[in-house]
Amino acid sequence: MAGRAARLVLLAGAAALASGSQGDREPVYRDCVLRCEERNCSGGALRHFRSRQPIYMSLAGWTCHDDCKYECMWVTVDMYLQDGHRVPQFHGKWPFSRFLFFQEPASALASFLNGLASLMMLCRYRTSVPASSPMYHTCVAFAWVSLNAWFWSTVFHTRDTDLTEKMDYFCASTVILHSVYLCCVRTVGLQYPAVARAFRAFLLLLLTTHVSYLSLVHFDYGYNLAANVAFGLVNVVWWLTWCLRNHRRLPHVHKCVVVVLLLQGLSLLELLDFPPFFWVLDAHAIWHISTIPVHILFFSFLEDDSLYLLKESEAKFKLA
């Protein structure tokens, strides 16, 4: 839900700095990378590098140039620490210790666990909620959109490339907009299906325009940040307004309120920008880990609400 917008805030801020962080501006780092590439990344040396590179690293797209940057990053970090300076960032990110081919192992694992939790709750939802429930198909679609987003989040934290970064951004935007659509269907669309269909077409056009501009015209991190914060605010205000209006009539909406408030509170973790503990666990990974039970609670709300709507629709059918 809105927590994805907070995540985009951090990603956009990091990306804006990616072209010139303190670490990669350091002459020691640049000279080290240049010497490493001249020594290892051409001719026979390159063939030797490829012959001894583990297959899982080559399949994940790690190149000789990437290895040089990684090794020289730690050379620079050691120099900073020996001189008593703070740990620098490189290309907009803190230094992380690789595990196998995972570039940010804690965040990748946390993203995978979020996706696994979403999959488990989707299976539970489909088992406990009949397809005749008015919100069934919209909720199932939201679950698949969330699963797709967590898949790309896992891929992005495993291997940060231009493609995986964009897919992570775009899929996160899709989750936020689909949550807005989910709220629209629940609050308006059940009574006025034509309104929901028109709003869905508008959101699809908005998402297409947003992605097309960033992909084909200019990947503007500032615009992307502003757009997703706006999407997230609409999402938060709409859900909370509906919950507050219905909390006495529908006791299960307290779960939705807790989810929205927790996601907003936990998003403050993104502001705690510190070097990763043991070069693995940073604020972003901690935030990802903390959202796992929140997503479970939200799907529990969707399950309760869908069953309530089913009973309500069956009661109206009997009266008719």
C-alpha atoms as a PDB file:
ATOM      1  CA  MET A   1       0.000   0.000   0.000  1.00  0.00           C
ATOM      2  CA  ALA A   2       1.352   3.451   0.891  1.00  0.00           C
ATOM      3  CA  GLY A   3       4.565   2.002   2.263  1.00  0.00           C
ATOM      4  CA  ARG A   4       5.710   1.428  -1.304  1.00  0.00           C
ATOM      5  CA  ALA A   5       5.681   5.194  -1.800  1.00  0.00           C
ATOM      6  CA  ALA A   6       8.028   5.607   1.140  1.00  0.00           C
ATOM      7  CA  ARG A   7      10.339   3.055  -0.388  1.00  0.00           C
ATOM      8  CA  LEU A   8      10.349   4.975  -3.638  1.00  0.00           C
ATOM      9  CA  VAL A   9      11.358   8.091  -1.721  1.00  0.00           C
ATOM     10  CA  LEU A  10      14.551   6.387  -0.550  1.00  0.00           C
ATOM     11  CA  LEU A  11      15.260   4.830  -3.941  1.00  0.00           C
ATOM     12  CA  ALA A  12      14.786   8.112  -5.738  1.00  0.00           C
ATOM     13  CA  GLY A  13      17.036   9.921  -3.305  1.00  0.00           C
ATOM     14  CA  ALA A  14      19.732   7.297  -3.657  1.00  0.00           C
ATOM     15  CA  ALA A  15      19.489   7.282  -7.422  1.00  0.00           C
ATOM     16  CA  ALA A  16      19.775  11.040  -7.580  1.00  0.00           C
ATOM     17  CA  LEU A  17      23.116  10.734  -5.826  1.00  0.00           C
ATOM     18  CA  ALA A  18      24.252   7.743  -7.842  1.00  0.00           C
ATOM     19  CA  SER A  19      26.273   9.765 -10.319  1.00  0.00           C
ATOM     20  CA  GLY A  20      28.548  11.173  -7.657  1.00  0.00           C
ATOM     21  CA  SER A  21      28.743   9.818  -4.099  1.00  0.00           C
ATOM     22  CA  GLN A  22      31.703  10.502  -1.861  1.00  0.00           C
ATOM     23  CA  GLY A  23      33.210   7.043  -2.277  1.00  0.00           C
ATOM     24  CA  ASP A  24      33.166   6.861  -6.072  1.00  0.00           C
ATOM     25  CA  ARG A  25      34.490  10.439  -6.308  1.00  0.00           C
ATOM     26  CA  GLU A  26      37.497   9.449  -4.196  1.00  0.00           C
ATOM     27  CA  PRO A  27      40.737   9.467  -6.299  1.00  0.00           C
ATOM     28  CA  VAL A  28      41.931   6.309  -4.539  1.00  0.00           C
ATOM     29  CA  TYR A  29      38.805   4.470  -5.662  1.00  0.00           C
ATOM     30  CA  ARG A  30      38.994   5.753  -9.239  1.00  0.00           C
ATOM     31  CA  ASP A  31      42.686   4.931  -9.595  1.00  0.00           C
ATOM     32  CA  CYS A  32      42.127   1.484  -8.108  1.00  0.00           C
ATOM     33  CA  VAL A  33      39.290   0.718 -10.553  1.00  0.00           C
ATOM     34  CA  LEU A  34      41.333   1.967 -13.512  1.00  0.00           C
ATOM     35  CA  ARG A  35      44.368  -0.170 -12.587  1.00  0.00           C
ATOM     36  CA  CYS A  36      42.196  -3.217 -11.882  1.00  0.00           C
ATOM     37  CA  GLU A  37      40.420  -2.969 -15.242  1.00  0.00           C
ATOM     38  CA  GLU A  38      43.712  -2.527 -17.115  1.00  0.00           C
ATOM     39  CA  ARG A  39      45.176  -5.522 -15.309  1.00  0.00           C
ATOM     40  CA  ASN A  40      42.229  -7.941 -15.372  1.00  0.00           C
ATOM     41  CA  CYS A  41      39.579  -6.958 -17.887  1.00  0.00           C
ATOM     42  CA  SER A  42      41.153  -7.394 -21.313  1.00  0.00           C
ATOM     43  CA  GLY A  43      42.955 -10.029 -23.370  1.00  0.00           C
ATOM     44  CA  GLY A  44      44.256 -13.128 -21.657  1.00  0.00           C
ATOM     45  CA  ALA A  45      43.582 -11.711 -18.201  1.00  0.00           C
ATOM     46  CA  LEU A  46      39.895 -11.370 -19.026  1.00  0.00           C
ATOM     47  CA  ARG A  47      39.753 -14.952 -20.295  1.00  0.00           C
ATOM     48  CA  HIS A  48      41.419 -16.080 -17.071  1.00  0.00           C
ATOM     49  CA  PHE A  49      38.883 -14.080 -15.025  1.00  0.00           C
ATOM     50  CA  ARG A  50      35.981 -15.686 -16.869  1.00  0.00           C
ATOM     51  CA  SER A  51      37.421 -19.183 -16.499  1.00  0.00           C
ATOM     52  CA  ARG A  52      37.665 -18.879 -12.712  1.00  0.00           C
ATOM     53  CA  GLN A  53      34.428 -16.912 -12.184  1.00  0.00           C
ATOM     54  CA  PRO A  54      31.715 -19.058 -10.553  1.00  0.00           C
ATOM     55  CA  ILE A  55      28.914 -19.937 -12.950  1.00  0.00           C
ATOM     56  CA  TYR A  56      26.274 -18.374 -10.695  1.00  0.00           C
ATOM     57  CA  MET A  57      28.105 -15.037 -10.864  1.00  0.00           C
ATOM     58  CA  SER A  58      28.270 -15.015 -14.655  1.00  0.00           C
ATOM     59  CA  LEU A  59      24.606 -16.059 -14.932  1.00  0.00           C
ATOM     60  CA  ALA A  60      23.667 -13.161 -12.644  1.00  0.00           C
ATOM     61  CA  GLY A  61      25.517 -10.766 -14.957  1.00  0.00           C
ATOM     62  CA  TRP A  62      28.522  -9.908 -12.787  1.00  0.00           C
ATOM     63  CA  THR A  63      31.366  -8.722 -15.038  1.00  0.00           C
ATOM     64  CA  CYS A  64      35.062  -8.099 -14.588  1.00  0.00           C
ATOM     65  CA  HIS A  65      34.354  -4.348 -14.376  1.00  0.00           C
ATOM     66  CA  ASP A  66      31.784  -4.980 -11.637  1.00  0.00           C
ATOM     67  CA  ASP A  67      34.297  -7.067  -9.688  1.00  0.00           C
ATOM     68  CA  CYS A  68      36.875  -4.280  -9.937  1.00  0.00           C
ATOM     69  CA  LYS A  69      34.388  -1.760  -8.552  1.00  0.00           C
ATOM     70  CA  TYR A  70      33.478  -4.143  -5.743  1.00  0.00           C
ATOM     71  CA  GLU A  71      37.067  -4.874  -4.705  1.00  0.00           C
ATOM     72  CA  CYS A  72      38.113  -1.227  -4.950  1.00  0.00           C
ATOM     73  CA  MET A  73      35.108  -0.183  -2.898  1.00  0.00           C
ATOM     74  CA  TRP A  74      36.447  -2.185   0.030  1.00  0.00           C
ATOM     75  CA  VAL A  75      39.959  -0.839  -0.479  1.00  0.00           C
ATOM     76  CA  THR A  76      38.512   2.673  -0.167  1.00  0.00           C
ATOM     77  CA  VAL A  77      36.335   1.761   2.830  1.00  0.00           C
ATOM     78  CA  ASP A  78      39.356   0.320   4.666  1.00  0.00           C
ATOM     79  CA  MET A  79      41.311   3.504   3.971  1.00  0.00           C
ATOM     80  CA  TYR A  80      38.489   5.679   5.346  1.00  0.00           C
ATOM     81  CA  LEU A  81      38.133   3.570   8.480  1.00  0.00           C
ATOM     82  CA  GLN A  82      41.874   3.496   9.152  1.00  0.00           C
ATOM     83  CA  ASP A  83      41.968   7.289   8.918  1.00  0.00           C
ATOM     84  CA  GLY A  84      38.997   7.611  11.290  1.00  0.00           C
ATOM     85  CA  HIS A  85      36.520   8.888   8.706  1.00  0.00           C
ATOM     86  CA  ARG A  86      32.899   7.907   8.252  1.00  0.00           C
ATOM     87  CA  VAL A  87      32.030   5.115   5.842  1.00  0.00           C
ATOM     88  CA  PRO A  88      31.356   6.648   2.403  1.00  0.00           C
ATOM     89  CA  GLN A  89      28.638   5.717  -0.069  1.00  0.00           C
ATOM     90  CA  PHE A  90      29.373   4.501  -3.586  1.00  0.00           C
ATOM     91  CA  HIS A  91      27.085   5.313  -6.513  1.00  0.00           C
ATOM     92  CA  GLY A  92      24.311   6.308  -4.117  1.00  0.00           C
ATOM     93  CA  LYS A  93      24.543   3.208  -1.912  1.00  0.00           C
ATOM     94  CA  TRP A  94      26.279   2.054   1.230  1.00  0.00           C
ATOM     95  CA  PRO A  95      28.871  -0.700   0.783  1.00  0.00           C
ATOM     96  CA  PHE A  96      27.337  -4.154   1.124  1.00  0.00           C
ATOM     97  CA  SER A  97      29.110  -7.460   1.467  1.00  0.00           C
ATOM     98  CA  ARG A  98      28.027  -9.765  -1.348  1.00  0.00           C
ATOM     99  CA  PHE A  99      26.707 -13.231  -0.572  1.00  0.00           C
ATOM    100  CA  LEU A 100      27.052 -15.521  -3.573  1.00  0.00           C
ATOM    101  CA  PHE A 101      25.534 -13.330  -6.338  1.00  0.00           C
ATOM    102  CA  PHE A 102      23.298 -11.281  -4.003  1.00  0.00           C
ATOM    103  CA  GLN A 103      24.347  -7.631  -4.045  1.00  0.00           C
ATOM    104  CA  GLU A 104      22.198  -6.696  -1.007  1.00  0.00           C
ATOM    105  CA  PRO A 105      21.497 -10.058   0.636  1.00  0.00           C
ATOM    106  CA  ALA A 106      19.345  -8.847   3.555  1.00  0.00           C
ATOM    107  CA  SER A 107      17.053  -6.705   1.402  1.00  0.00           C
ATOM    108  CA  ALA A 108      16.817  -9.443  -1.235  1.00  0.00           C
ATOM    109  CA  LEU A 109      15.856 -12.020   1.407  1.00  0.00           C
ATOM    110  CA  ALA A 110      13.350  -9.650   3.009  1.00  0.00           C
ATOM    111  CA  SER A 111      11.760  -8.900  -0.380  1.00  0.00           C
ATOM    112  CA  PHE A 112      11.511 -12.626  -1.075  1.00  0.00           C
ATOM    113  CA  LEU A 113       9.859 -13.214   2.321  1.00  0.00           C
ATOM    114  CA  ASN A 114       7.355 -10.419   1.653  1.00  0.00           C
ATOM    115  CA  GLY A 115       6.508 -12.089  -1.627  1.00  0.00           C
ATOM    116  CA  LEU A 116       6.215 -15.480   0.065  1.00  0.00           C
ATOM    117  CA  ALA A 117       3.874 -14.013   2.683  1.00  0.00           C
ATOM    118  CA  SER A 118       1.757 -12.471  -0.071  1.00  0.00           C
ATOM    119  CA  LEU A 119       1.603 -15.820  -1.890  1.00  0.00           C
ATOM    120  CA  MET A 120       0.563 -17.661   1.270  1.00  0.00           C
ATOM    121  CA  MET A 121      -2.165 -15.115   1.984  1.00  0.00           C
ATOM    122  CA  LEU A 122      -3.362 -15.306  -1.630  1.00  0.00           C
ATOM    123  CA  CYS A 123      -3.720 -19.083  -1.291  1.00  0.00           C
ATOM    124  CA  ARG A 124      -5.560 -18.649   2.006  1.00  0.00           C
ATOM    125  CA  TYR A 125      -7.825 -15.995   0.512  1.00  0.00           C
ATOM    126  CA  ARG A 126      -8.742 -18.156  -2.475  1.00  0.00           C
ATOM    127  CA  THR A 127      -9.429 -21.103  -0.162  1.00  0.00           C
ATOM    128  CA  SER A 128     -11.636 -19.240   2.313  1.00  0.00           C
ATOM    129  CA  VAL A 129     -13.427 -16.720   0.063  1.00  0.00           C
ATOM    130  CA  PRO A 130     -15.818 -17.973  -2.647  1.00  0.00           C
ATOM    131  CA  ALA A 131     -15.381 -16.486  -6.104  1.00  0.00           C
ATOM    132  CA  SER A 132     -18.945 -15.139  -5.857  1.00  0.00           C
ATOM    133  CA  SER A 133     -17.831 -12.529  -3.312  1.00  0.00           C
ATOM    134  CA  PRO A 134     -18.163  -9.033  -4.848  1.00  0.00           C
ATOM    135  CA  MET A 135     -14.508  -8.124  -4.142  1.00  0.00           C
ATOM    136  CA  TYR A 136     -12.993 -11.521  -4.968  1.00  0.00           C
ATOM    137  CA  HIS A 137     -11.495 -10.800  -8.393  1.00  0.00           C
ATOM    138  CA  THR A 138     -10.248  -7.328  -7.442  1.00  0.00           C
ATOM    139  CA  CYS A 139      -8.498  -8.677  -4.333  1.00  0.00           C
ATOM    140  CA  VAL A 140      -6.932 -11.593  -6.210  1.00  0.00           C
ATOM    141  CA  ALA A 141      -5.661  -9.200  -8.892  1.00  0.00           C
ATOM    142  CA  PHE A 142      -4.151  -6.995  -6.176  1.00  0.00           C
ATOM    143  CA  ALA A 143      -2.371 -10.026  -4.707  1.00  0.00           C
ATOM    144  CA  TRP A 144      -0.820 -10.894  -8.082  1.00  0.00           C
ATOM    145  CA  VAL A 145       0.274  -7.286  -8.623  1.00  0.00           C
ATOM    146  CA  SER A 146       1.912  -7.333  -5.178  1.00  0.00           C
ATOM    147  CA  LEU A 147       3.643 -10.641  -5.897  1.00  0.00           C
ATOM    148  CA  ASN A 148       5.041  -9.238  -9.134  1.00  0.00           C
ATOM    149  CA  ALA A 149       6.353  -6.163  -7.321  1.00  0.00           C
ATOM    150  CA  TRP A 150       8.081  -8.233  -4.638  1.00  0.00           C
ATOM    151  CA  PHE A 151       9.605 -10.448  -7.319  1.00  0.00           C
ATOM    152  CA  TRP A 152      11.217  -7.431  -8.991  1.00  0.00           C
ATOM    153  CA  SER A 153      12.242  -6.005  -5.632  1.00  0.00           C
ATOM    154  CA  THR A 154      14.060  -9.276  -4.945  1.00  0.00           C
ATOM    155  CA  VAL A 155      15.717  -9.168  -8.375  1.00  0.00           C
ATOM    156  CA  PHE A 156      16.725  -5.516  -7.951  1.00  0.00           C
ATOM    157  CA  HIS A 157      18.372  -6.116  -4.575  1.00  0.00           C
ATOM    158  CA  THR A 158      20.050  -9.195  -5.986  1.00  0.00           C
ATOM    159  CA  ARG A 159      21.516  -7.344  -8.962  1.00  0.00           C
ATOM    160  CA  ASP A 160      21.200  -3.589  -9.381  1.00  0.00           C
ATOM    161  CA  THR A 161      21.092  -2.735 -13.094  1.00  0.00           C
ATOM    162  CA  ASP A 162      19.298  -0.099 -15.123  1.00  0.00           C
ATOM    163  CA  LEU A 163      16.599  -2.620 -16.078  1.00  0.00           C
ATOM    164  CA  THR A 164      16.047  -4.088 -12.614  1.00  0.00           C
ATOM    165  CA  GLU A 165      15.953  -0.608 -11.087  1.00  0.00           C
ATOM    166  CA  LYS A 166      13.253   0.545 -13.511  1.00  0.00           C
ATOM    167  CA  MET A 167      11.197  -2.624 -13.064  1.00  0.00           C
ATOM    168  CA  ASP A 168      11.368  -2.202  -9.293  1.00  0.00           C
ATOM    169  CA  TYR A 169      10.215   1.431  -9.582  1.00  0.00           C
ATOM    170  CA  PHE A 170       7.436   0.727 -12.064  1.00  0.00           C
ATOM    171  CA  CYS A 171       6.069  -2.318 -10.246  1.00  0.00           C
ATOM    172  CA  ALA A 172       6.049  -0.412  -6.957  1.00  0.00           C
ATOM    173  CA  SER A 173       4.024   2.350  -8.651  1.00  0.00           C
ATOM    174  CA  THR A 174       1.625  -0.284  -9.959  1.00  0.00           C
ATOM    175  CA  VAL A 175       1.003  -1.610  -6.430  1.00  0.00           C
ATOM    176  CA  ILE A 176       0.181   1.860  -5.112  1.00  0.00           C
ATOM    177  CA  LEU A 177      -2.209   2.615  -7.973  1.00  0.00           C
ATOM    178  CA  HIS A 178      -3.862  -0.786  -7.690  1.00  0.00           C
ATOM    179  CA  SER A 179      -4.385  -0.168  -3.973  1.00  0.00           C
ATOM    180  CA  VAL A 180      -6.090   3.111  -4.919  1.00  0.00           C
ATOM    181  CA  TYR A 181      -8.271   1.176  -7.384  1.00  0.00           C
ATOM    182  CA  LEU A 182      -9.018  -1.449  -4.725  1.00  0.00           C
ATOM    183  CA  CYS A 183     -10.205   1.315  -2.416  1.00  0.00           C
ATOM    184  CA  CYS A 184     -12.309   2.829  -5.198  1.00  0.00           C
ATOM    185  CA  VAL A 185     -14.059  -0.473  -5.873  1.00  0.00           C
ATOM    186  CA  ARG A 186     -14.718  -1.030  -2.167  1.00  0.00           C
ATOM    187  CA  THR A 187     -16.026   2.465  -1.443  1.00  0.00           C
ATOM    188  CA  VAL A 188     -17.788   3.410  -4.686  1.00  0.00           C
ATOM    189  CA  GLY A 189     -17.544   0.711  -7.334  1.00  0.00           C
ATOM    190  CA  LEU A 190     -19.806  -1.874  -5.714  1.00  0.00           C
ATOM    191  CA  GLN A 191     -22.702   0.569  -5.893  1.00  0.00           C
ATOM    192  CA  TYR A 192     -21.642   2.242  -9.144  1.00  0.00           C
ATOM    193  CA  PRO A 193     -19.699  -0.244 -11.332  1.00  0.00           C
ATOM    194  CA  ALA A 194     -19.516   2.229 -14.229  1.00  0.00           C
ATOM    195  CA  VAL A 195     -17.600   4.649 -11.996  1.00  0.00           C
ATOM    196  CA  ALA A 196     -15.115   1.928 -11.066  1.00  0.00           C
ATOM    197  CA  ARG A 197     -14.611   0.988 -14.721  1.00  0.00           C
ATOM    198  CA  ALA A 198     -14.015   4.602 -15.695  1.00  0.00           C
ATOM    199  CA  PHE A 199     -11.612   5.097 -12.800  1.00  0.00           C
ATOM    200  CA  ARG A 200      -9.732   1.919 -13.726  1.00  0.00           C
ATOM    201  CA  ALA A 201      -9.302   3.210 -17.279  1.00  0.00           C
ATOM    202  CA  PHE A 202      -8.027   6.514 -15.889  1.00  0.00           C
ATOM    203  CA  LEU A 203      -5.491   4.782 -13.629  1.00  0.00           C
ATOM    204  CA  LEU A 204      -4.267   2.583 -16.482  1.00  0.00           C
ATOM    205  CA  LEU A 205      -3.808   5.662 -18.654  1.00  0.00           C
ATOM    206  CA  LEU A 206      -2.015   7.419 -15.789  1.00  0.00           C
ATOM    207  CA  LEU A 207       0.323   4.466 -15.236  1.00  0.00           C
ATOM    208  CA  THR A 208       1.012   4.093 -18.965  1.00  0.00           C
ATOM    209  CA  THR A 209       1.825   7.782 -19.292  1.00  0.00           C
ATOM    210  CA  HIS A 210       4.012   7.698 -16.191  1.00  0.00           C
ATOM    211  CA  VAL A 211       6.013   4.659 -17.331  1.00  0.00           C
ATOM    212  CA  SER A 212       6.253   5.859 -20.943  1.00  0.00           C
ATOM    213  CA  TYR A 213       7.634   9.242 -19.934  1.00  0.00           C
ATOM    214  CA  LEU A 214      10.244   7.722 -17.623  1.00  0.00           C
ATOM    215  CA  SER A 215      11.190   5.042 -20.167  1.00  0.00           C
ATOM    216  CA  LEU A 216      11.070   6.890 -23.467  1.00  0.00           C
ATOM    217  CA  VAL A 217      11.582  10.571 -22.653  1.00  0.00           C
ATOM    218  CA  HIS A 218      13.611  11.106 -19.498  1.00  0.00           C
ATOM    219  CA  PHE A 219      14.031   9.115 -16.317  1.00  0.00           C
ATOM    220  CA  ASP A 220      13.468  12.030 -13.960  1.00  0.00           C
ATOM    221  CA  TYR A 221      13.986  10.852 -10.367  1.00  0.00           C
ATOM    222  CA  GLY A 222      12.479  14.021  -8.928  1.00  0.00           C
ATOM    223  CA  TYR A 223       9.300  13.669 -10.971  1.00  0.00           C
ATOM    224  CA  ASN A 224       9.069   9.962 -10.161  1.00  0.00           C
ATOM    225  CA  LEU A 225       9.395  10.748  -6.472  1.00  0.00           C
ATOM    226  CA  ALA A 226       6.726  13.471  -6.554  1.00  0.00           C
ATOM    227  CA  ALA A 227       4.309  11.326  -8.566  1.00  0.00           C
ATOM    228  CA  ASN A 228       4.552   8.321  -6.263  1.00  0.00           C
ATOM    229  CA  VAL A 229       4.286  10.401  -3.102  1.00  0.00           C
ATOM    230  CA  ALA A 230       1.090  11.910  -4.569  1.00  0.00           C
ATOM    231  CA  PHE A 231      -0.263   8.430  -5.406  1.00  0.00           C
ATOM    232  CA  GLY A 232       0.574   7.265  -1.891  1.00  0.00           C
ATOM    233  CA  LEU A 233      -1.127  10.221  -0.209  1.00  0.00           C
ATOM    234  CA  VAL A 234      -4.321   9.636  -2.170  1.00  0.00           C
ATOM    235  CA  ASN A 235      -4.175   5.992  -1.123  1.00  0.00           C
ATOM    236  CA  VAL A 236      -3.692   6.766   2.577  1.00  0.00           C
ATOM    237  CA  VAL A 237      -6.325   9.494   2.822  1.00  0.00           C
ATOM    238  CA  TRP A 238      -8.961   7.509   0.904  1.00  0.00           C
ATOM    239  CA  TRP A 239      -8.528   4.298   2.937  1.00  0.00           C
ATOM    240  CA  LEU A 240      -8.413   6.100   6.287  1.00  0.00           C
ATOM    241  CA  THR A 241     -11.473   8.215   5.486  1.00  0.00           C
ATOM    242  CA  TRP A 242     -13.490   5.120   4.577  1.00  0.00           C
ATOM    243  CA  CYS A 243     -12.265   3.237   7.653  1.00  0.00           C
ATOM    244  CA  LEU A 244     -13.159   6.052  10.042  1.00  0.00           C
ATOM    245  CA  ARG A 245     -16.626   6.344   8.549  1.00  0.00           C
ATOM    246  CA  ASN A 246     -17.313   2.619   8.887  1.00  0.00           C
ATOM    247  CA  HIS A 247     -15.373   1.474  11.959  1.00  0.00           C
ATOM    248  CA  ARG A 248     -18.522   1.139  14.118  1.00  0.00           C
ATOM    249  CA  ARG A 249     -20.538  -0.706  11.503  1.00  0.00           C
ATOM    250  CA  LEU A 250     -17.664  -2.909  10.325  1.00  0.00           C
ATOM    251  CA  PRO A 251     -15.422  -4.024  13.219  1.00  0.00           C
ATOM    252  CA  HIS A 252     -12.871  -5.657  10.899  1.00  0.00           C
ATOM    253  CA  VAL A 253     -11.838  -2.289   9.406  1.00  0.00           C
ATOM    254  CA  HIS A 254      -9.608  -1.745  12.437  1.00  0.00           C
ATOM    255  CA  LYS A 255      -7.155  -4.068  10.693  1.00  0.00           C
ATOM    256  CA  CYS A 256      -7.012  -1.717   7.721  1.00  0.00           C
ATOM    257  CA  VAL A 257      -6.452   1.286  10.006  1.00  0.00           C
ATOM    258  CA  VAL A 258      -3.594  -0.518  11.763  1.00  0.00           C
ATOM    259  CA  VAL A 259      -2.041  -1.415   8.397  1.00  0.00           C
ATOM    260  CA  VAL A 260      -2.142   2.156   7.091  1.00  0.00           C
ATOM    261  CA  LEU A 261      -0.772   3.642  10.324  1.00  0.00           C
ATOM    262  CA  LEU A 262       1.932   0.997  10.671  1.00  0.00           C
ATOM    263  CA  LEU A 263       3.120   1.452   7.092  1.00  0.00           C
ATOM    264  CA  GLN A 264       3.372   5.181   7.627  1.00  0.00           C
ATOM    265  CA  GLY A 265       5.205   4.742  10.918  1.00  0.00           C
ATOM    266  CA  LEU A 266       7.551   2.060   9.635  1.00  0.00           C
ATOM    267  CA  SER A 267       8.379   4.180   6.609  1.00  0.00           C
ATOM    268  CA  LEU A 268      10.281   6.446   9.021  1.00  0.00           C
ATOM    269  CA  LEU A 269      12.902   3.690   9.102  1.00  0.00           C
ATOM    270  CA  GLU A 270      13.828   4.837   5.606  1.00  0.00           C
ATOM    271  CA  LEU A 271      15.019   8.116   7.129  1.00  0.00           C
ATOM    272  CA  LEU A 272      17.540   6.272   9.333  1.00  0.00           C
ATOM    273  CA  ASP A 273      20.352   6.328   6.824  1.00  0.00           C
ATOM    274  CA  PHE A 274      23.295   4.480   8.382  1.00  0.00           C
ATOM    275  CA  PRO A 275      26.023   2.097   7.179  1.00  0.00           C
ATOM    276  CA  PRO A 276      24.791  -1.506   7.256  1.00  0.00           C
ATOM    277  CA  PHE A 277      25.465  -3.603  10.337  1.00  0.00           C
ATOM    278  CA  PHE A 278      28.036  -6.290   9.517  1.00  0.00           C
ATOM    279  CA  TRP A 279      27.943  -4.781   5.979  1.00  0.00           C
ATOM    280  CA  VAL A 280      24.599  -6.560   5.407  1.00  0.00           C
ATOM    281  CA  LEU A 281      21.707  -5.130   7.443  1.00  0.00           C
ATOM    282  CA  ASP A 282      20.742  -1.511   6.751  1.00  0.00           C
ATOM    283  CA  ALA A 283      17.617   0.560   7.462  1.00  0.00           C
ATOM    284  CA  HIS A 284      16.054  -0.389   4.145  1.00  0.00           C
ATOM    285  CA  ALA A 285      16.404  -4.117   4.874  1.00  0.00           C
ATOM    286  CA  ILE A 286      14.988  -3.622   8.377  1.00  0.00           C
ATOM    287  CA  TRP A 287      12.018  -1.798   6.847  1.00  0.00           C
ATOM    288  CA  HIS A 288      11.425  -4.625   4.391  1.00  0.00           C
ATOM    289  CA  ILE A 289      11.548  -7.189   7.198  1.00  0.00           C
ATOM    290  CA  SER A 290       9.114  -5.191   9.337  1.00  0.00           C
ATOM    291  CA  THR A 291       6.487  -5.007   6.570  1.00  0.00           C
ATOM    292  CA  ILE A 292       6.038  -8.797   6.336  1.00  0.00           C
ATOM    293  CA  PRO A 293       3.428  -9.058   9.159  1.00  0.00           C
ATOM    294  CA  VAL A 294       1.775  -5.837   7.935  1.00  0.00           C
ATOM    295  CA  HIS A 295       1.033  -7.365   4.528  1.00  0.00           C
ATOM    296  CA  ILE A 296      -0.347 -10.477   6.237  1.00  0.00           C
ATOM    297  CA  LEU A 297      -2.670  -8.271   8.306  1.00  0.00           C
ATOM    298  CA  PHE A 298      -3.886  -6.411   5.208  1.00  0.00           C
ATOM    299  CA  PHE A 299      -4.767  -9.623   3.399  1.00  0.00           C
ATOM    300  CA  SER A 300      -6.543 -10.768   6.581  1.00  0.00           C
ATOM    301  CA  PHE A 301      -8.625  -7.580   6.376  1.00  0.00           C
ATOM    302  CA  LEU A 302      -9.422  -8.261   2.717  1.00  0.00           C
ATOM    303  CA  GLU A 303     -10.502 -11.789   3.624  1.00  0.00           C
ATOM    304  CA  ASP A 304     -12.802 -10.603   6.440  1.00  0.00           C
ATOM    305  CA  ASP A 305     -14.244  -7.832   4.324  1.00  0.00           C
ATOM    306  CA  SER A 306     -14.874 -10.100   1.327  1.00  0.00           C
ATOM    307  CA  LEU A 307     -16.724 -12.622   3.520  1.00  0.00           C
ATOM    308  CA  TYR A 308     -18.792  -9.803   5.018  1.00  0.00           C
ATOM    309  CA  LEU A 309     -19.732  -8.536   1.552  1.00  0.00           C
ATOM    310  CA  LEU A 310     -20.652 -12.061   0.485  1.00  0.00           C
ATOM    311  CA  LYS A 311     -23.028 -12.472   3.432  1.00  0.00           C
ATOM    312  CA  GLU A 312     -24.503  -9.045   2.751  1.00  0.00           C
ATOM    313  CA  SER A 313     -25.105  -9.825  -0.923  1.00  0.00           C
ATOM    314  CA  GLU A 314     -26.657 -13.221  -0.075  1.00  0.00           C
ATOM    315  CA  ALA A 315     -28.960 -11.558   2.443  1.00  0.00           C
ATOM    316  CA  LYS A 316     -30.116  -9.013  -0.140  1.00  0.00           C
ATOM    317  CA  PHE A 317     -30.707 -11.811  -2.670  1.00  0.00           C
ATOM    318  CA  LYS A 318     -32.915 -13.687  -0.183  1.00  0.00           C
ATOM    319  CA  LEU A 319     -34.921 -10.530   0.553  1.00  0.00           C
ATOM    320  CA  ALA A 320     -35.406  -9.964  -3.163  1.00  0.00           C
END
